[in-house]
Amino acid sequence: MTRARAGGRVVVDQLLVHGVELAFCVPGESYLAVLDALHDVGDSLRLVVCRQEGGAAHMAAAYGRLTGRPGVCLVTRGPGATNASVGVHSAFQDSAPMVLLVGQVPRSSAGREAFQELDLRPFFGQMAKWVGQAEDPGRLPELLARAFSVAVSGRPGPVVLGLPEDVLAETVEVADAAPYRVVEAHPDPTDLARLRELLAGSRRPLVLAGGAGWTAAPAAGLRAFAEASELPVAASWRSQDVLDNRSPSYVGHVGLGIDPGLAERVRRADVLVALGPRLGEITTGGYTLLEVPRPRQTLVHMHPSAAELGRVYQADLAVHAGVGPFLAAAASLEPVADPPWRAWTREARQGWLDWSRPPGSPGAALDLARAVAWLRERLPDDTVVANGAGNFTVWLHRFWRYTQQGTQLGPRGGAMGYGVPAAVAAKAAFPERMVLAVTGDGDFLMTGQELATAVQAELPVVVLLVNNGMYGTVRMHQERAYPGRVVGTDLVNPDFAALARAFGAHGEVVGRTEELAPAFERALASGRPALLELRVGLESLVPPA
């Protein structure tokens, strides 16, 4: 049914049609008509107002990755859009569905380098699945429906849509679109038969699982598939929650700081079954664990986007399918009885158990490995753990144990500043769950102002800030390549606990391992967003060094 309304109201109505309940923004005068329409819908669509567009975009990207539904971010033209680009790039490399709506200059001013004018298509073209612009208010339902459909189709990712100010202000008579639907590719039965045949002839198989499209159902399907035939499963880069780490099939994480024993098992595998990952640079150890373009291993590569199959590696069996449909179909496969790789799996499992056991840090007042181990025992299984980028994440990836799907948020594109906004988004989406952000001193100050967002929105996240007074990852590479020639990696930091208190959050400094537990309990008891500054030495670059 058509009805007359302003373009801004059409936009908001389409968001509601497509099931959007939460959106992230930094307000701007270029989309005042949308903000006005949001005033009319009240609690039907909750708006989280952020302090910088990069933080808002990271929140939308994290929401998309965590829920599988497009995270929505609204920003203004020019500086707002360019600030938001870091989150768009993160969503792209994370394969996270996201819709970025950008208020634009009026159509009559376009092409004149008007105030804050930016041509979105060339700017976002290499980091978004589709970039469009509404030139006719009557097409808003069509364009927004396309935006949501593209964001979730195939390999999920970000979409950017420009909304000129005058298009949003103009009154138009138009009908709403229908809600978007997710369409996934399904495996051919012959692909499953060939997979069973390859596994039956294997002696050293390895499943590598990760990427996009994981929910509780495919995670359960993966566990059933792997355990039925005693297959070892490694998680790809920052996908450690795809399989309960307590499963006898889980053998570790193929990413930065990889267990050397697991890296060798990837090299020695005779059949490698990649379920969902892109097989990018980090997961493949800089394209060395698998040779390009023809790996030594017999490669089975399943991915929801046909464009990723054969992009770098030529698979012996390429399967175009979503992880959900694939693992649902794989449930019908006959398990391999008395598998000849049983000892191979058990050795890999024991190797991971040994690797993930805190080794101890003699002389260190604050042992990060023991801190992570205590936290994983203290917190509920459904705790969402968000992290930014830096060497501090190596302790988290190595010593945390993920037991439920949808509990890990880490930027696969390596963007600093992701952790705090991601935690805020997770707490906004799931207020009943514990949400922990793990960040570094350099990482935090990229987007630490979003702690103010958490305070304003009453989202009691807990931030663990590892402070070693430097850009640790760059320093590590600097010390290796140019020993004794330190330039540009030292940091002079504020009192982070005092800064948190200035925001209205709970803030404390933790300098010794035994101080963490009581400080953490006080943080939880505060009922507010909280920050614990973990002060460690300059030598704390990677565990156990």
Protein backbone atom coordinates (compact mmCIF):
# COMPACT_ATOMS: atom_id res chain seq x y z
CA MET A 1 0.00 0.00 0.00
CA THR A 2 1.40 3.37 -0.98
CA ARG A 3 1.32 6.34 1.37
CA ALA A 4 2.77 9.85 1.35
CA ARG A 5 5.71 10.59 3.67
CA ALA A 6 9.09 12.27 3.69
CA GLY A 7 12.07 10.39 2.35
CA GLY A 8 13.59 10.28 5.83
CA ARG A 9 10.51 8.49 7.13
CA VAL A 10 10.66 6.09 4.17
CA VAL A 11 14.21 5.18 5.20
CA VAL A 12 13.23 4.53 8.82
CA ASP A 13 10.19 2.52 7.79
CA GLN A 14 12.39 0.32 5.59
CA LEU A 15 14.76 -0.30 8.49
CA LEU A 16 11.78 -1.50 10.51
CA VAL A 17 10.55 -3.65 7.61
CA HIS A 18 13.95 -5.36 7.48
CA GLY A 19 13.90 -6.11 11.20
CA VAL A 20 16.39 -3.52 12.41
CA GLU A 21 16.05 -3.03 16.15
CA LEU A 22 19.38 -1.35 16.86
CA ALA A 23 21.46 1.17 14.93
CA PHE A 24 24.67 3.10 15.63
CA CYS A 25 25.29 6.68 14.61
CA VAL A 26 27.06 9.98 14.92
CA PRO A 27 24.40 12.59 14.09
CA GLY A 28 24.78 14.98 11.18
CA GLU A 29 22.72 17.75 9.61
CA SER A 30 22.78 15.96 6.26
CA TYR A 31 20.30 13.34 7.51
CA LEU A 32 18.18 15.33 9.93
CA ALA A 33 15.04 14.01 8.25
CA VAL A 34 16.03 10.45 9.25
CA LEU A 35 16.72 11.51 12.84
CA ASP A 36 13.32 13.24 12.93
CA ALA A 37 11.61 10.09 11.73
CA LEU A 38 13.41 8.05 14.37
CA HIS A 39 11.84 10.33 16.98
CA ASP A 40 8.42 9.10 15.86
CA VAL A 41 9.16 5.34 16.11
CA GLY A 42 10.41 5.49 19.71
CA ASP A 43 11.69 2.24 21.17
CA SER A 44 10.93 0.27 18.01
CA LEU A 45 14.43 1.14 16.83
CA ARG A 46 17.06 1.88 19.47
CA LEU A 47 19.71 4.39 18.45
CA VAL A 48 23.17 4.17 20.07
CA VAL A 49 24.80 7.59 19.69
CA CYS A 50 28.58 7.31 19.40
CA ARG A 51 31.48 9.75 19.76
CA GLN A 52 33.29 9.13 16.48
CA GLU A 53 32.19 7.54 13.21
CA GLY A 54 35.00 4.97 13.28
CA GLY A 55 33.67 3.66 16.58
CA ALA A 56 30.09 3.64 15.29
CA ALA A 57 31.09 1.72 12.16
CA HIS A 58 33.09 -0.81 14.21
CA MET A 59 29.96 -1.32 16.33
CA ALA A 60 27.85 -2.01 13.26
CA ALA A 61 30.47 -4.40 11.88
CA ALA A 62 30.68 -6.26 15.20
CA TYR A 63 26.90 -6.46 15.45
CA GLY A 64 26.73 -7.96 11.97
CA ARG A 65 29.38 -10.54 12.75
CA LEU A 66 27.82 -11.46 16.09
CA THR A 67 24.20 -11.76 14.94
CA GLY A 68 24.43 -12.54 11.21
CA ARG A 69 22.05 -9.65 10.59
CA PRO A 70 23.28 -6.44 8.97
CA GLY A 71 24.61 -3.93 11.45
CA VAL A 72 23.32 -0.46 10.60
CA CYS A 73 25.41 2.68 10.92
CA LEU A 74 24.34 6.24 10.07
CA VAL A 75 26.88 9.00 9.46
CA THR A 76 27.10 12.31 7.72
CA ARG A 77 28.89 13.13 4.47
CA GLY A 78 32.60 13.81 3.93
CA PRO A 79 34.45 13.57 7.25
CA GLY A 80 31.75 11.34 8.70
CA ALA A 81 32.01 8.89 5.83
CA THR A 82 35.81 8.87 5.76
CA ASN A 83 35.96 8.30 9.52
CA ALA A 84 33.55 5.39 9.12
CA SER A 85 35.65 3.77 6.42
CA VAL A 86 37.81 1.90 8.94
CA GLY A 87 34.72 0.02 10.13
CA VAL A 88 33.66 -0.69 6.56
CA HIS A 89 37.08 -2.19 5.83
CA SER A 90 36.83 -4.29 9.00
CA ALA A 91 33.40 -5.55 7.98
CA PHE A 92 34.74 -6.42 4.54
CA GLN A 93 37.68 -8.46 5.83
CA ASP A 94 35.51 -9.97 8.57
CA SER A 95 32.80 -10.97 6.06
CA ALA A 96 30.34 -9.21 8.37
CA PRO A 97 27.00 -7.95 7.01
CA MET A 98 26.69 -4.19 7.44
CA VAL A 99 24.74 -1.29 5.95
CA LEU A 100 26.32 2.16 6.14
CA LEU A 101 23.89 5.00 5.42
CA VAL A 102 25.59 8.28 4.56
CA GLY A 103 23.81 11.62 4.49
CA GLN A 104 24.87 13.43 1.30
CA VAL A 105 24.95 16.91 -0.19
CA PRO A 106 21.73 17.98 -1.97
CA ARG A 107 21.43 16.82 -5.57
CA SER A 108 21.54 20.40 -6.81
CA SER A 109 25.01 20.88 -5.28
CA ALA A 110 26.56 17.60 -6.39
CA GLY A 111 29.70 17.80 -8.52
CA ARG A 112 30.69 21.29 -7.34
CA GLU A 113 32.88 20.15 -4.44
CA ALA A 114 30.19 21.39 -2.12
CA PHE A 115 30.74 21.54 1.63
CA GLN A 116 31.93 18.10 2.80
CA GLU A 117 31.09 16.56 -0.58
CA LEU A 118 32.46 13.06 -1.20
CA ASP A 119 31.81 10.74 -4.14
CA LEU A 120 31.06 7.52 -2.30
CA ARG A 121 31.43 5.09 -5.19
CA PRO A 122 35.17 5.39 -5.89
CA PHE A 123 35.98 5.91 -2.21
CA PHE A 124 34.19 2.83 -0.87
CA GLY A 125 34.25 0.77 -4.06
CA GLN A 126 37.21 -1.40 -3.09
CA MET A 127 36.01 -2.13 0.46
CA ALA A 128 32.25 -2.62 0.04
CA LYS A 129 30.17 -5.20 -1.76
CA TRP A 130 28.00 -2.50 -3.32
CA VAL A 131 27.93 1.30 -3.19
CA GLY A 132 24.80 3.13 -4.27
CA GLN A 133 23.11 6.48 -3.97
CA ALA A 134 19.44 7.41 -3.88
CA GLU A 135 18.62 10.07 -6.47
CA ASP A 136 14.86 9.57 -6.34
CA PRO A 137 12.93 9.26 -3.04
CA GLY A 138 10.50 6.91 -4.75
CA ARG A 139 13.31 4.35 -5.11
CA LEU A 140 14.30 4.31 -1.44
CA PRO A 141 12.43 1.07 -0.63
CA GLU A 142 14.04 -0.64 -3.63
CA LEU A 143 17.55 0.54 -2.83
CA LEU A 144 17.38 -0.30 0.86
CA ALA A 145 16.01 -3.76 0.08
CA ARG A 146 18.93 -4.28 -2.27
CA ALA A 147 21.37 -3.05 0.35
CA PHE A 148 20.19 -5.57 2.93
CA SER A 149 20.04 -8.43 0.42
CA VAL A 150 23.55 -7.79 -0.89
CA ALA A 151 24.95 -7.47 2.64
CA VAL A 152 23.85 -11.00 3.59
CA SER A 153 24.21 -12.82 0.26
CA GLY A 154 27.11 -15.13 -0.60
CA ARG A 155 30.11 -13.92 1.37
CA PRO A 156 28.48 -11.35 3.69
CA GLY A 157 29.93 -7.87 3.86
CA PRO A 158 29.33 -4.12 3.98
CA VAL A 159 27.12 -2.04 1.70
CA VAL A 160 27.19 1.76 1.50
CA LEU A 161 24.19 3.84 0.45
CA GLY A 162 24.27 7.62 -0.01
CA LEU A 163 21.18 9.59 0.98
CA PRO A 164 21.15 13.17 -0.38
CA GLU A 165 19.72 15.68 2.05
CA ASP A 166 16.99 16.86 -0.32
CA VAL A 167 15.93 13.30 -1.16
CA LEU A 168 15.34 12.72 2.55
CA ALA A 169 13.33 15.94 2.91
CA GLU A 170 11.12 15.44 -0.16
CA THR A 171 7.64 13.99 0.28
CA VAL A 172 6.86 10.95 -1.85
CA GLU A 173 4.03 8.46 -2.17
CA VAL A 174 5.52 4.97 -2.23
CA ALA A 175 4.94 1.49 -0.84
CA ASP A 176 7.29 -0.36 1.49
CA ALA A 177 9.42 -3.22 0.19
CA ALA A 178 9.15 -6.77 1.51
CA PRO A 179 11.66 -7.92 4.15
CA TYR A 180 14.94 -9.21 2.76
CA ARG A 181 15.55 -12.96 2.72
CA VAL A 182 18.83 -14.82 3.05
CA VAL A 183 19.51 -17.06 0.08
CA GLU A 184 22.28 -19.63 0.54
CA ALA A 185 23.92 -22.04 -1.86
CA HIS A 186 23.48 -25.74 -1.06
CA PRO A 187 26.02 -28.50 -1.76
CA ASP A 188 25.53 -30.97 -4.57
CA PRO A 189 25.15 -34.60 -3.34
CA THR A 190 28.10 -35.60 -5.52
CA ASP A 191 30.29 -33.13 -3.60
CA LEU A 192 29.41 -34.83 -0.33
CA ALA A 193 30.06 -38.26 -1.82
CA ARG A 194 33.47 -37.12 -3.05
CA LEU A 195 34.29 -35.66 0.38
CA ARG A 196 33.44 -38.99 2.01
CA GLU A 197 35.63 -40.79 -0.51
CA LEU A 198 38.60 -38.48 0.15
CA LEU A 199 38.27 -38.88 3.90
CA ALA A 200 38.03 -42.66 3.62
CA GLY A 201 41.39 -42.70 1.84
CA SER A 202 43.07 -40.29 4.24
CA ARG A 203 45.59 -41.00 6.98
CA ARG A 204 46.20 -37.46 8.25
CA PRO A 205 43.06 -35.38 7.67
CA LEU A 206 42.51 -31.93 9.14
CA VAL A 207 39.37 -29.80 9.12
CA LEU A 208 39.96 -26.03 9.07
CA ALA A 209 36.74 -24.23 10.06
CA GLY A 210 35.83 -20.56 10.22
CA GLY A 211 34.79 -17.58 8.15
CA ALA A 212 31.24 -16.26 7.94
CA GLY A 213 27.75 -17.66 8.37
CA TRP A 214 28.23 -19.53 11.63
CA THR A 215 25.34 -19.79 14.06
CA ALA A 216 24.53 -22.32 16.77
CA ALA A 217 23.11 -24.81 14.25
CA PRO A 218 26.15 -25.16 11.95
CA ALA A 219 28.43 -25.12 15.01
CA ALA A 220 26.51 -28.10 16.38
CA GLY A 221 26.64 -29.71 12.93
CA LEU A 222 30.41 -29.28 12.79
CA ARG A 223 30.85 -30.92 16.16
CA ALA A 224 28.65 -33.86 15.22
CA PHE A 225 30.40 -34.29 11.85
CA ALA A 226 33.89 -34.13 13.35
CA GLU A 227 33.33 -36.27 16.42
CA ALA A 228 31.49 -38.99 14.49
CA SER A 229 34.69 -39.78 12.57
CA GLU A 230 37.17 -38.48 15.19
CA LEU A 231 38.39 -35.76 12.84
CA PRO A 232 40.72 -33.05 14.14
CA VAL A 233 39.37 -29.51 13.72
CA ALA A 234 41.46 -26.33 13.77
CA ALA A 235 39.86 -22.89 13.80
CA SER A 236 40.89 -20.36 11.17
CA TRP A 237 41.99 -16.82 12.06
CA ARG A 238 39.82 -15.43 14.86
CA SER A 239 37.15 -18.10 14.42
CA GLN A 240 37.90 -20.03 17.60
CA ASP A 241 34.25 -20.15 18.67
CA VAL A 242 33.04 -22.29 15.73
CA LEU A 243 33.69 -25.45 17.77
CA ASP A 244 33.43 -25.92 21.54
CA ASN A 245 37.07 -25.98 22.60
CA ARG A 246 36.22 -28.79 25.04
CA SER A 247 35.45 -31.10 22.10
CA PRO A 248 38.00 -33.93 21.66
CA SER A 249 38.16 -32.84 18.02
CA TYR A 250 39.33 -29.26 18.70
CA VAL A 251 43.08 -28.93 18.10
CA GLY A 252 43.79 -25.19 18.10
CA HIS A 253 43.89 -21.92 16.24
CA VAL A 254 45.55 -21.33 12.87
CA GLY A 255 46.46 -17.66 13.05
CA LEU A 256 49.06 -15.29 14.46
CA GLY A 257 51.05 -16.88 17.28
CA ILE A 258 50.20 -20.37 16.02
CA ASP A 259 51.44 -23.39 17.95
CA PRO A 260 54.44 -24.60 15.88
CA GLY A 261 53.20 -28.16 16.33
CA LEU A 262 49.83 -27.29 14.80
CA ALA A 263 51.53 -25.47 11.93
CA GLU A 264 53.48 -28.63 11.19
CA ARG A 265 50.26 -30.68 11.27
CA VAL A 266 48.72 -28.36 8.68
CA ARG A 267 51.77 -28.93 6.46
CA ARG A 268 51.68 -32.71 6.98
CA ALA A 269 47.93 -33.16 6.47
CA ASP A 270 47.12 -35.33 3.46
CA VAL A 271 43.51 -34.06 3.21
CA LEU A 272 42.67 -30.52 4.32
CA VAL A 273 38.95 -29.73 4.52
CA ALA A 274 38.44 -25.96 4.70
CA LEU A 275 34.87 -25.25 5.82
CA GLY A 276 34.15 -21.53 5.42
CA PRO A 277 37.47 -19.66 5.63
CA ARG A 278 38.81 -17.62 2.73
CA LEU A 279 42.31 -19.12 3.17
CA GLY A 280 43.76 -15.64 3.49
CA GLU A 281 47.25 -14.53 4.44
CA ILE A 282 47.01 -14.99 8.23
CA THR A 283 45.28 -18.38 8.18
CA THR A 284 47.83 -19.74 5.69
CA GLY A 285 50.89 -18.37 7.49
CA GLY A 286 51.67 -15.88 4.76
CA TYR A 287 50.67 -18.41 2.07
CA THR A 288 53.34 -20.85 3.30
CA LEU A 289 51.31 -23.55 5.11
CA LEU A 290 49.62 -24.21 1.78
CA GLU A 291 51.59 -23.75 -1.42
CA VAL A 292 50.15 -21.43 -4.08
CA PRO A 293 48.32 -22.26 -6.29
CA ARG A 294 48.35 -26.06 -5.83
CA PRO A 295 48.78 -27.15 -2.19
CA ARG A 296 50.66 -30.32 -1.32
CA GLN A 297 47.61 -31.36 0.67
CA THR A 298 44.52 -32.63 -1.08
CA LEU A 299 42.34 -29.57 -0.62
CA VAL A 300 38.58 -29.46 -0.13
CA HIS A 301 37.43 -25.85 -0.03
CA MET A 302 33.84 -24.98 0.84
CA HIS A 303 32.82 -21.33 0.80
CA PRO A 304 29.52 -19.40 0.51
CA SER A 305 30.91 -17.25 -2.34
CA ALA A 306 31.89 -18.81 -5.65
CA ALA A 307 34.30 -15.88 -6.15
CA GLU A 308 36.49 -17.16 -3.29
CA LEU A 309 36.84 -20.65 -4.76
CA GLY A 310 39.99 -20.69 -6.84
CA ARG A 311 40.85 -17.09 -5.97
CA VAL A 312 44.24 -18.11 -4.54
CA TYR A 313 44.20 -21.89 -4.19
CA GLN A 314 43.07 -24.49 -6.71
CA ALA A 315 41.09 -27.02 -4.70
CA ASP A 316 40.78 -30.70 -5.56
CA LEU A 317 37.15 -30.35 -4.52
CA ALA A 318 35.55 -26.89 -4.55
CA VAL A 319 32.12 -26.67 -2.96
CA HIS A 320 29.92 -23.59 -3.31
CA ALA A 321 27.71 -23.66 -0.21
CA GLY A 322 26.92 -21.90 3.02
CA VAL A 323 28.24 -23.51 6.19
CA GLY A 324 24.70 -24.10 7.46
CA PRO A 325 23.39 -25.98 4.41
CA PHE A 326 26.67 -27.85 4.01
CA LEU A 327 26.84 -29.15 7.57
CA ALA A 328 23.13 -29.96 7.58
CA ALA A 329 23.72 -32.12 4.50
CA ALA A 330 26.92 -33.58 5.95
CA ALA A 331 24.86 -35.06 8.78
CA SER A 332 23.75 -37.75 6.33
CA LEU A 333 27.31 -38.90 5.59
CA GLU A 334 28.31 -42.26 6.97
CA PRO A 335 31.09 -41.82 9.54
CA VAL A 336 34.44 -43.45 8.84
CA ALA A 337 34.53 -46.51 11.07
CA ASP A 338 37.68 -47.17 13.12
CA PRO A 339 39.48 -44.22 11.52
CA PRO A 340 43.20 -44.79 10.87
CA TRP A 341 43.89 -41.21 11.98
CA ARG A 342 42.71 -41.73 15.58
CA ALA A 343 46.22 -41.36 17.02
CA TRP A 344 46.83 -38.33 14.76
CA THR A 345 43.77 -36.60 16.23
CA ARG A 346 44.64 -37.47 19.81
CA GLU A 347 48.21 -36.21 19.43
CA ALA A 348 46.94 -32.95 17.92
CA ARG A 349 44.42 -32.54 20.74
CA GLN A 350 47.07 -33.14 23.41
CA GLY A 351 49.36 -30.70 21.65
CA TRP A 352 46.73 -27.98 21.92
CA LEU A 353 46.02 -28.76 25.58
CA ASP A 354 49.72 -28.42 26.34
CA TRP A 355 50.02 -25.21 24.27
CA SER A 356 47.04 -23.55 25.95
CA ARG A 357 48.27 -24.28 29.48
CA PRO A 358 49.82 -21.16 31.08
CA PRO A 359 53.60 -21.69 31.09
CA GLY A 360 54.34 -19.24 33.87
CA SER A 361 56.32 -16.02 33.61
CA PRO A 362 59.13 -16.01 36.19
CA GLY A 363 59.84 -12.54 37.45
CA ALA A 364 56.69 -10.99 35.99
CA ALA A 365 54.54 -9.26 38.59
CA LEU A 366 51.47 -9.62 36.38
CA ASP A 367 51.29 -12.93 34.50
CA LEU A 368 48.88 -12.38 31.58
CA ALA A 369 48.57 -16.10 30.87
CA ARG A 370 47.41 -16.80 34.42
CA ALA A 371 45.10 -13.78 34.25
CA VAL A 372 43.39 -15.07 31.12
CA ALA A 373 43.14 -18.57 32.61
CA TRP A 374 41.47 -17.18 35.75
CA LEU A 375 39.00 -15.15 33.72
CA ARG A 376 37.98 -18.09 31.55
CA GLU A 377 37.18 -20.09 34.70
CA ARG A 378 35.35 -17.19 36.35
CA LEU A 379 33.11 -16.04 33.52
CA PRO A 380 30.01 -17.72 32.01
CA ASP A 381 30.31 -19.81 28.86
CA ASP A 382 28.29 -17.29 26.85
CA THR A 383 30.60 -14.36 27.68
CA VAL A 384 31.36 -12.33 24.57
CA VAL A 385 35.07 -11.51 24.34
CA ALA A 386 35.98 -8.60 22.07
CA ASN A 387 39.50 -7.55 21.28
CA GLY A 388 41.27 -4.98 19.17
CA ALA A 389 44.65 -5.48 17.49
CA GLY A 390 48.09 -5.84 19.01
CA ASN A 391 50.40 -8.37 20.61
CA PHE A 392 48.23 -8.45 23.73
CA THR A 393 45.75 -10.55 21.73
CA VAL A 394 48.20 -13.45 21.53
CA TRP A 395 47.62 -14.22 25.22
CA LEU A 396 43.87 -14.15 24.65
CA HIS A 397 43.93 -16.37 21.56
CA ARG A 398 46.26 -18.88 23.17
CA PHE A 399 44.88 -19.20 26.69
CA TRP A 400 41.14 -18.46 26.43
CA ARG A 401 38.85 -21.39 25.71
CA TYR A 402 35.73 -20.66 23.70
CA THR A 403 32.84 -23.01 24.44
CA GLN A 404 29.94 -21.40 22.57
CA GLN A 405 29.53 -20.06 19.05
CA GLY A 406 29.06 -16.30 18.89
CA THR A 407 31.43 -15.40 21.71
CA GLN A 408 34.53 -14.17 19.84
CA LEU A 409 34.80 -10.71 18.29
CA GLY A 410 38.19 -9.85 16.87
CA PRO A 411 39.04 -7.91 13.69
CA ARG A 412 40.32 -10.32 11.05
CA GLY A 413 41.56 -7.26 9.16
CA GLY A 414 43.73 -6.26 12.11
CA ALA A 415 42.20 -2.84 12.78
CA MET A 416 43.30 -1.24 16.02
CA GLY A 417 40.48 0.29 18.02
CA TYR A 418 37.96 -2.47 17.32
CA GLY A 419 37.66 -4.00 20.79
CA VAL A 420 35.88 -1.33 22.85
CA PRO A 421 33.26 -0.46 20.17
CA ALA A 422 32.70 -4.17 19.47
CA ALA A 423 32.08 -4.78 23.17
CA VAL A 424 29.59 -1.89 23.33
CA ALA A 425 27.73 -3.33 20.32
CA ALA A 426 27.66 -6.80 21.86
CA LYS A 427 26.28 -5.50 25.14
CA ALA A 428 23.65 -3.44 23.31
CA ALA A 429 22.59 -6.53 21.33
CA PHE A 430 22.70 -8.95 24.28
CA PRO A 431 22.32 -6.94 27.50
CA GLU A 432 21.87 -10.09 29.58
CA ARG A 433 25.30 -11.48 28.65
CA MET A 434 28.69 -10.71 30.13
CA VAL A 435 30.83 -8.74 27.68
CA LEU A 436 34.58 -8.38 28.06
CA ALA A 437 36.79 -6.10 25.97
CA VAL A 438 40.52 -6.80 25.88
CA THR A 439 42.60 -3.93 24.54
CA GLY A 440 46.10 -2.48 24.60
CA ASP A 441 47.31 0.99 25.49
CA GLY A 442 47.84 2.02 21.87
CA ASP A 443 44.72 0.16 20.77
CA PHE A 444 42.46 1.76 23.40
CA LEU A 445 43.29 5.34 22.51
CA MET A 446 42.15 4.78 18.93
CA THR A 447 38.49 4.57 20.03
CA GLY A 448 38.56 4.75 23.82
CA GLN A 449 36.10 7.65 23.75
CA GLU A 450 33.39 5.08 23.11
CA LEU A 451 33.61 4.29 26.81
CA ALA A 452 31.54 7.47 27.11
CA THR A 453 29.00 5.82 24.79
CA ALA A 454 28.85 2.81 27.10
CA VAL A 455 28.26 5.10 30.09
CA GLN A 456 25.55 7.12 28.35
CA ALA A 457 23.79 4.04 27.00
CA GLU A 458 24.12 2.24 30.36
CA LEU A 459 25.98 -0.71 28.89
CA PRO A 460 28.19 -2.17 31.66
CA VAL A 461 31.03 -3.70 29.66
CA VAL A 462 34.32 -4.56 31.37
CA VAL A 463 37.50 -3.40 29.63
CA LEU A 464 40.86 -5.01 30.38
CA LEU A 465 43.55 -2.64 29.15
CA VAL A 466 47.05 -4.12 28.85
CA ASN A 467 49.48 -1.23 29.25
CA ASN A 468 53.12 -1.86 28.34
CA GLY A 469 53.88 1.68 27.19
CA MET A 470 54.42 0.95 23.51
CA TYR A 471 53.01 -0.14 20.19
CA GLY A 472 53.94 -3.73 21.00
CA THR A 473 53.45 -5.46 17.65
CA VAL A 474 55.47 -2.89 15.73
CA ARG A 475 58.10 -2.90 18.49
CA MET A 476 58.44 -6.69 18.24
CA HIS A 477 59.07 -6.53 14.50
CA GLN A 478 61.36 -3.51 14.99
CA GLU A 479 63.48 -5.34 17.57
CA ARG A 480 63.77 -8.35 15.26
CA ALA A 481 64.64 -6.45 12.10
CA TYR A 482 66.55 -3.49 13.57
CA PRO A 483 67.73 -4.49 17.08
CA GLY A 484 68.59 -1.64 19.36
CA ARG A 485 67.23 1.00 16.98
CA VAL A 486 63.91 1.92 18.57
CA VAL A 487 62.04 4.75 16.87
CA GLY A 488 58.39 5.73 17.08
CA THR A 489 57.08 2.85 19.19
CA ASP A 490 57.35 4.22 22.75
CA LEU A 491 54.18 5.70 24.27
CA VAL A 492 53.61 8.16 27.11
CA ASN A 493 50.19 7.24 28.43
CA PRO A 494 47.58 8.83 30.67
CA ASP A 495 46.36 7.28 33.89
CA PHE A 496 43.80 5.06 32.17
CA ALA A 497 41.93 4.21 35.38
CA ALA A 498 41.52 7.90 36.18
CA LEU A 499 40.42 8.54 32.60
CA ALA A 500 37.75 5.85 32.94
CA ARG A 501 36.50 7.43 36.15
CA ALA A 502 36.35 10.81 34.40
CA PHE A 503 34.00 9.22 31.85
CA GLY A 504 31.78 8.01 34.70
CA ALA A 505 32.99 4.41 34.55
CA HIS A 506 34.63 2.33 37.25
CA GLY A 507 38.43 2.43 36.95
CA GLU A 508 41.27 0.63 38.75
CA VAL A 509 44.94 -0.18 38.21
CA VAL A 510 46.12 -3.78 38.53
CA GLY A 511 49.86 -4.33 38.86
CA ARG A 512 50.09 -7.88 40.20
CA THR A 513 48.43 -11.15 39.21
CA GLU A 514 46.83 -11.65 42.63
CA GLU A 515 45.20 -8.21 42.43
CA LEU A 516 43.11 -9.08 39.37
CA ALA A 517 40.41 -11.23 40.99
CA PRO A 518 39.30 -8.73 43.68
CA ALA A 519 39.55 -5.82 41.25
CA PHE A 520 37.43 -7.66 38.71
CA GLU A 521 34.79 -8.46 41.32
CA ARG A 522 34.65 -4.78 42.30
CA ALA A 523 34.26 -3.85 38.63
CA LEU A 524 31.27 -6.18 38.27
CA ALA A 525 29.75 -5.01 41.53
CA SER A 526 29.88 -1.39 40.37
CA GLY A 527 27.09 -2.07 37.87
CA ARG A 528 28.73 0.43 35.50
CA PRO A 529 31.09 0.18 32.56
CA ALA A 530 34.48 -0.58 34.05
CA LEU A 531 38.13 -0.42 33.03
CA LEU A 532 40.96 -2.33 34.66
CA GLU A 533 44.39 -1.11 33.60
CA LEU A 534 46.80 -4.06 33.65
CA ARG A 535 50.30 -2.63 33.94
CA VAL A 536 52.94 -4.96 32.55
CA GLY A 537 56.61 -4.58 31.74
CA LEU A 538 58.18 -3.52 28.47
CA GLU A 539 59.41 -7.09 28.00
CA SER A 540 55.84 -8.44 27.71
CA LEU A 541 55.74 -8.77 23.92
CA VAL A 542 54.60 -12.36 23.36
CA PRO A 543 54.11 -15.35 25.68
CA PRO A 544 56.23 -16.61 27.27
CA ALA A 545 58.95 -14.11 26.23
